[in-house]
Amino acid sequence: MQVSKDGRGWCVGTAADVGWIAGHTTAGVSITTAIPPIFDAYATTYQTDDVTATAYEHALIEDLTTHTPDQPWWLAYLDTGAHDVVFPHAPRVCLYWNWPYVLVQAGPEQALTWRTGGHIRRPHGALPDMFFPADLSWLVSALWDDTWTCVGGPAPLIHTLEHDPVASARQVRPGEDALPPGLTRE
């Protein structure tokens, strides 16, 4: 199935496109609650108070793009009922605790521009709630009730995020609590 936006058709994803994630995460507070334990390295990242949502999101996408060969990305928007899913009439795929996502194949430009009106983590944010490249080399996922974002991928990507002061990333191990320093659980 395809949906239209920006004068062109976009492929809608199915359960098969997220099968590598579905059922491969574990409940709890570790990074593997959002990211399957299949990557070389993991990190949590979040927008600090002294950085705008736009600057944070552009830095994250720039770091990801630098470490990704040119290819489509899958963008997933969690249907909370209160936040923009970009394609409200598109079919959903279910992940994590049977949460419905709209999954569309696009790219980094669309990740930064399609969503309007913010999302659960940032009132002015545009990023999808989950996204990954077609080659599955990394995964970015922010769970419904978290104010931070989890990342799994190759070690050089995670090191780049750690050294980017705007991305504000902290490397974590699979069994470690994913909560970034300075944040608290509500």
Protein backbone atom coordinates (compact mmCIF):
# COMPACT_ATOMS: atom_id res chain seq x y z
CA MET A 1 0.00 0.00 0.00
CA GLN A 2 1.06 3.57 -0.63
CA VAL A 3 0.06 6.90 0.86
CA SER A 4 0.48 10.31 -0.77
CA LYS A 5 2.31 13.34 0.60
CA ASP A 6 4.43 16.07 -0.95
CA GLY A 7 3.17 15.14 -4.42
CA ARG A 8 4.41 11.55 -4.36
CA GLY A 9 3.55 8.09 -3.08
CA TRP A 10 5.21 6.55 -0.04
CA CYS A 11 5.30 2.85 0.85
CA VAL A 12 3.45 1.90 4.05
CA GLY A 13 5.20 -0.72 6.15
CA THR A 14 3.78 -3.97 7.44
CA ALA A 15 4.39 -6.23 10.43
CA ALA A 16 7.06 -8.02 8.36
CA ASP A 17 9.10 -4.80 8.16
CA VAL A 18 9.30 -4.58 11.97
CA GLY A 19 9.45 -8.33 12.66
CA TRP A 20 13.09 -7.96 13.68
CA ILE A 21 11.92 -5.68 16.53
CA ALA A 22 8.57 -7.20 17.50
CA GLY A 23 8.95 -9.73 20.28
CA HIS A 24 12.70 -9.12 20.59
CA THR A 25 12.62 -6.45 23.31
CA THR A 26 12.21 -7.03 27.04
CA ALA A 27 10.03 -5.23 29.57
CA GLY A 28 11.91 -3.21 32.17
CA VAL A 29 14.11 -0.13 32.42
CA SER A 30 17.08 -1.21 30.30
CA ILE A 31 17.86 -0.13 26.76
CA THR A 32 16.52 -3.46 25.49
CA THR A 33 13.02 -2.34 26.45
CA ALA A 34 13.10 -0.22 23.28
CA ILE A 35 15.98 -1.71 21.26
CA PRO A 36 16.51 -5.44 20.53
CA PRO A 37 19.81 -6.78 21.92
CA ILE A 38 21.40 -7.24 18.47
CA PHE A 39 23.63 -4.18 18.10
CA ASP A 40 27.30 -3.54 18.90
CA ALA A 41 26.54 -0.49 21.05
CA TYR A 42 23.65 1.43 22.65
CA ALA A 43 22.98 4.93 23.94
CA THR A 44 20.27 7.14 25.29
CA THR A 45 19.97 10.69 24.04
CA TYR A 46 17.75 13.60 24.98
CA GLN A 47 17.17 17.28 24.39
CA THR A 48 18.71 19.32 27.19
CA ASP A 49 17.11 22.54 28.42
CA ASP A 50 19.73 24.73 26.73
CA VAL A 51 19.15 23.26 23.23
CA THR A 52 16.12 23.85 21.02
CA ALA A 53 14.11 20.91 19.69
CA THR A 54 15.11 21.85 16.15
CA ALA A 55 18.85 21.92 16.96
CA TYR A 56 18.67 18.61 18.85
CA GLU A 57 16.72 16.83 16.12
CA HIS A 58 18.95 18.15 13.31
CA ALA A 59 22.08 17.08 15.20
CA LEU A 60 20.71 13.58 15.75
CA ILE A 61 19.68 13.19 12.09
CA GLU A 62 23.01 14.59 10.88
CA ASP A 63 24.96 12.11 13.03
CA LEU A 64 22.79 9.21 11.80
CA THR A 65 23.08 10.29 8.17
CA THR A 66 26.88 10.54 8.45
CA HIS A 67 27.00 6.87 9.48
CA THR A 68 24.43 5.56 6.99
CA PRO A 69 24.90 4.84 3.28
CA ASP A 70 22.28 6.48 1.05
CA GLN A 71 19.11 4.39 1.41
CA PRO A 72 15.47 4.69 2.50
CA TRP A 73 14.57 4.97 6.16
CA TRP A 74 11.49 3.56 7.87
CA LEU A 75 9.70 6.24 9.91
CA ALA A 76 7.23 5.12 12.58
CA TYR A 77 4.72 7.39 14.30
CA LEU A 78 3.06 6.13 17.48
CA ASP A 79 -0.69 6.59 17.48
CA THR A 80 -1.38 7.96 20.96
CA GLY A 81 -4.61 9.60 19.85
CA ALA A 82 -3.14 12.98 20.77
CA HIS A 83 -0.12 13.35 18.48
CA ASP A 84 0.34 13.69 14.73
CA VAL A 85 0.90 10.36 12.95
CA VAL A 86 1.32 12.15 9.58
CA PHE A 87 -0.91 9.63 7.75
CA PRO A 88 -3.99 9.27 9.97
CA HIS A 89 -5.76 6.81 7.67
CA ALA A 90 -2.79 4.50 7.02
CA PRO A 91 -2.80 0.98 8.46
CA ARG A 92 -0.93 0.42 11.72
CA VAL A 93 1.71 -2.08 12.80
CA CYS A 94 1.88 -3.06 16.47
CA LEU A 95 5.07 -3.08 18.53
CA TYR A 96 6.15 -3.28 22.14
CA TRP A 97 2.96 -3.61 24.22
CA ASN A 98 0.66 -3.77 21.20
CA TRP A 99 1.11 -0.04 20.54
CA PRO A 100 -0.08 1.04 17.06
CA TYR A 101 2.42 2.78 14.76
CA VAL A 102 2.08 4.22 11.27
CA LEU A 103 5.18 2.96 9.42
CA VAL A 104 6.23 4.68 6.19
CA GLN A 105 9.38 4.33 4.09
CA ALA A 106 10.93 7.75 3.42
CA GLY A 107 14.20 9.35 4.52
CA PRO A 108 16.02 11.75 6.85
CA GLU A 109 14.47 14.88 5.29
CA GLN A 110 10.96 13.58 5.94
CA ALA A 111 11.96 12.55 9.48
CA LEU A 112 12.68 16.22 10.17
CA THR A 113 9.71 17.78 8.40
CA TRP A 114 6.62 15.58 8.21
CA ARG A 115 5.31 15.75 11.76
CA THR A 116 3.76 18.99 12.92
CA GLY A 117 2.48 20.01 16.32
CA GLY A 118 5.09 18.13 18.34
CA HIS A 119 4.93 14.81 20.11
CA ILE A 120 5.00 13.34 23.58
CA ARG A 121 8.67 14.17 24.27
CA ARG A 122 8.87 17.69 22.83
CA PRO A 123 5.95 20.02 22.15
CA HIS A 124 7.76 21.44 19.12
CA GLY A 125 9.50 18.24 18.00
CA ALA A 126 9.10 16.69 14.57
CA LEU A 127 10.97 13.38 14.76
CA PRO A 128 9.17 10.07 14.37
CA ASP A 129 8.81 7.98 17.52
CA MET A 130 10.88 5.23 15.94
CA PHE A 131 13.02 5.06 12.80
CA PHE A 132 15.69 2.91 11.16
CA PRO A 133 17.39 2.53 7.77
CA ALA A 134 16.42 -0.16 5.27
CA ASP A 135 19.64 -2.10 6.03
CA LEU A 136 18.64 -2.30 9.75
CA SER A 137 22.10 -1.08 10.80
CA TRP A 138 20.68 1.04 13.63
CA LEU A 139 17.42 1.75 15.42
CA VAL A 140 16.18 4.91 17.15
CA SER A 141 13.16 4.47 19.39
CA ALA A 142 11.44 6.61 22.00
CA LEU A 143 8.83 4.77 24.01
CA TRP A 144 5.44 6.30 24.74
CA ASP A 145 6.18 7.23 28.35
CA ASP A 146 9.87 8.21 28.03
CA THR A 147 11.23 11.73 27.57
CA TRP A 148 14.47 10.41 26.06
CA THR A 149 15.39 8.41 22.98
CA CYS A 150 17.13 5.04 22.80
CA VAL A 151 19.61 4.18 20.04
CA GLY A 152 21.23 0.91 19.05
CA GLY A 153 23.78 0.59 16.27
CA PRO A 154 27.43 0.25 15.33
CA ALA A 155 29.98 1.48 17.87
CA PRO A 156 31.27 4.35 15.65
CA LEU A 157 27.73 5.80 15.44
CA ILE A 158 27.24 5.60 19.21
CA HIS A 159 30.67 7.22 19.78
CA THR A 160 29.70 10.06 17.40
CA LEU A 161 26.48 10.65 19.36
CA GLU A 162 28.41 10.62 22.65
CA HIS A 163 30.82 13.27 21.38
CA ASP A 164 28.12 15.51 19.90
CA PRO A 165 27.27 18.06 22.63
CA VAL A 166 23.87 18.78 21.06
CA ALA A 167 22.84 15.10 20.84
CA SER A 168 23.56 14.71 24.57
CA ALA A 169 24.04 10.94 24.38
CA ARG A 170 25.25 8.49 27.00
CA GLN A 171 26.41 5.01 26.09
CA VAL A 172 24.67 2.22 28.01
CA ARG A 173 25.05 -1.55 28.16
CA PRO A 174 22.07 -3.84 27.47
CA GLY A 175 21.34 -4.64 31.15
CA GLU A 176 21.87 -1.08 32.37
CA ASP A 177 19.09 1.38 33.25
CA ALA A 178 18.48 3.53 30.15
CA LEU A 179 17.50 6.65 32.10
CA PRO A 180 19.86 9.50 31.13
CA PRO A 181 21.72 11.28 33.96
CA GLY A 182 19.79 14.15 35.48
CA LEU A 183 16.37 12.78 34.49
CA THR A 184 13.96 11.08 36.86
CA ARG A 185 11.20 8.56 36.38
CA GLU A 186 7.78 10.02 36.95
